[in-house]
Amino acid sequence: LSDGYTVEDCQLVCRFKWQDQKFDKQYYRPSTLFRACNFEGYLYAAREKMPQPKKPVYFPDIPK
């Protein structure tokens, strides 16, 4: 978080690595997931491969 990442970024990486079949679950721990040399690559891969939640579209009130 002190490097400018958001809580949502951290949650995305956690979900992505948990669902990754190639990732050995014995390494699913904060010291591995959030290590500076790992996190940026994990986040990039997660953003590329995980479906992103769609933001709601708000339309202005249409005059009647």
Protein backbone atom coordinates (compact mmCIF):
# COMPACT_ATOMS: atom_id res chain seq x y z
CA LEU A 1 0.00 0.00 0.00
CA SER A 2 2.88 2.36 0.73
CA ASP A 3 4.06 1.84 -2.87
CA GLY A 4 0.80 3.22 -4.25
CA TYR A 5 -1.15 0.00 -4.78
CA THR A 6 -4.74 -0.19 -3.61
CA VAL A 7 -6.53 -2.67 -1.40
CA GLU A 8 -8.38 -3.79 -4.53
CA ASP A 9 -5.03 -4.52 -6.22
CA CYS A 10 -4.04 -6.71 -3.28
CA GLN A 11 -7.38 -8.53 -3.33
CA LEU A 12 -7.09 -9.10 -7.08
CA VAL A 13 -3.63 -10.65 -6.71
CA CYS A 14 -4.84 -12.90 -3.89
CA ARG A 15 -7.83 -14.13 -5.91
CA PHE A 16 -5.71 -14.59 -9.03
CA LYS A 17 -2.96 -16.60 -7.36
CA TRP A 18 -5.45 -18.74 -5.43
CA GLN A 19 -7.16 -19.72 -8.70
CA ASP A 20 -3.85 -20.26 -10.51
CA GLN A 21 -3.45 -24.03 -10.90
CA LYS A 22 0.29 -23.72 -11.54
CA PHE A 23 0.92 -21.78 -8.31
CA ASP A 24 1.96 -24.11 -5.49
CA LYS A 25 -0.36 -23.39 -2.57
CA GLN A 26 2.46 -23.85 -0.06
CA TYR A 27 3.74 -20.46 -1.31
CA TYR A 28 0.39 -18.74 -0.84
CA ARG A 29 1.53 -16.47 1.96
CA PRO A 30 2.00 -12.71 2.38
CA SER A 31 5.78 -12.89 2.23
CA THR A 32 5.55 -14.38 -1.27
CA LEU A 33 2.49 -12.62 -2.67
CA PHE A 34 3.45 -9.12 -1.57
CA ARG A 35 7.23 -9.26 -2.02
CA ALA A 36 8.17 -6.27 -4.15
CA CYS A 37 9.89 -8.39 -6.80
CA ASN A 38 6.76 -10.60 -7.18
CA PHE A 39 3.76 -8.36 -6.62
CA GLU A 40 4.03 -6.16 -9.70
CA GLY A 41 4.25 -9.16 -12.02
CA TYR A 42 1.38 -10.92 -10.26
CA LEU A 43 -0.75 -7.79 -10.52
CA TYR A 44 0.01 -7.35 -14.21
CA ALA A 45 -0.92 -10.97 -14.93
CA ALA A 46 -4.08 -10.71 -12.83
CA ARG A 47 -5.22 -7.61 -14.67
CA GLU A 48 -4.66 -9.35 -17.99
CA LYS A 49 -6.36 -12.65 -17.14
CA MET A 50 -8.97 -12.01 -14.48
CA PRO A 51 -12.35 -10.55 -15.40
CA GLN A 52 -12.60 -7.06 -14.02
CA PRO A 53 -15.82 -6.01 -12.33
CA LYS A 54 -17.74 -3.64 -14.50
CA LYS A 55 -18.31 -0.21 -13.08
CA PRO A 56 -21.94 0.86 -13.11
CA VAL A 57 -22.88 3.30 -15.82
CA TYR A 58 -24.82 6.27 -14.58
CA PHE A 59 -26.96 8.24 -16.96
CA PRO A 60 -27.98 11.79 -16.20
CA ASP A 61 -31.65 12.37 -15.66
CA ILE A 62 -33.36 12.76 -18.99
CA PRO A 63 -35.83 15.64 -19.05
CA LYS A 64 -39.42 14.57 -19.63
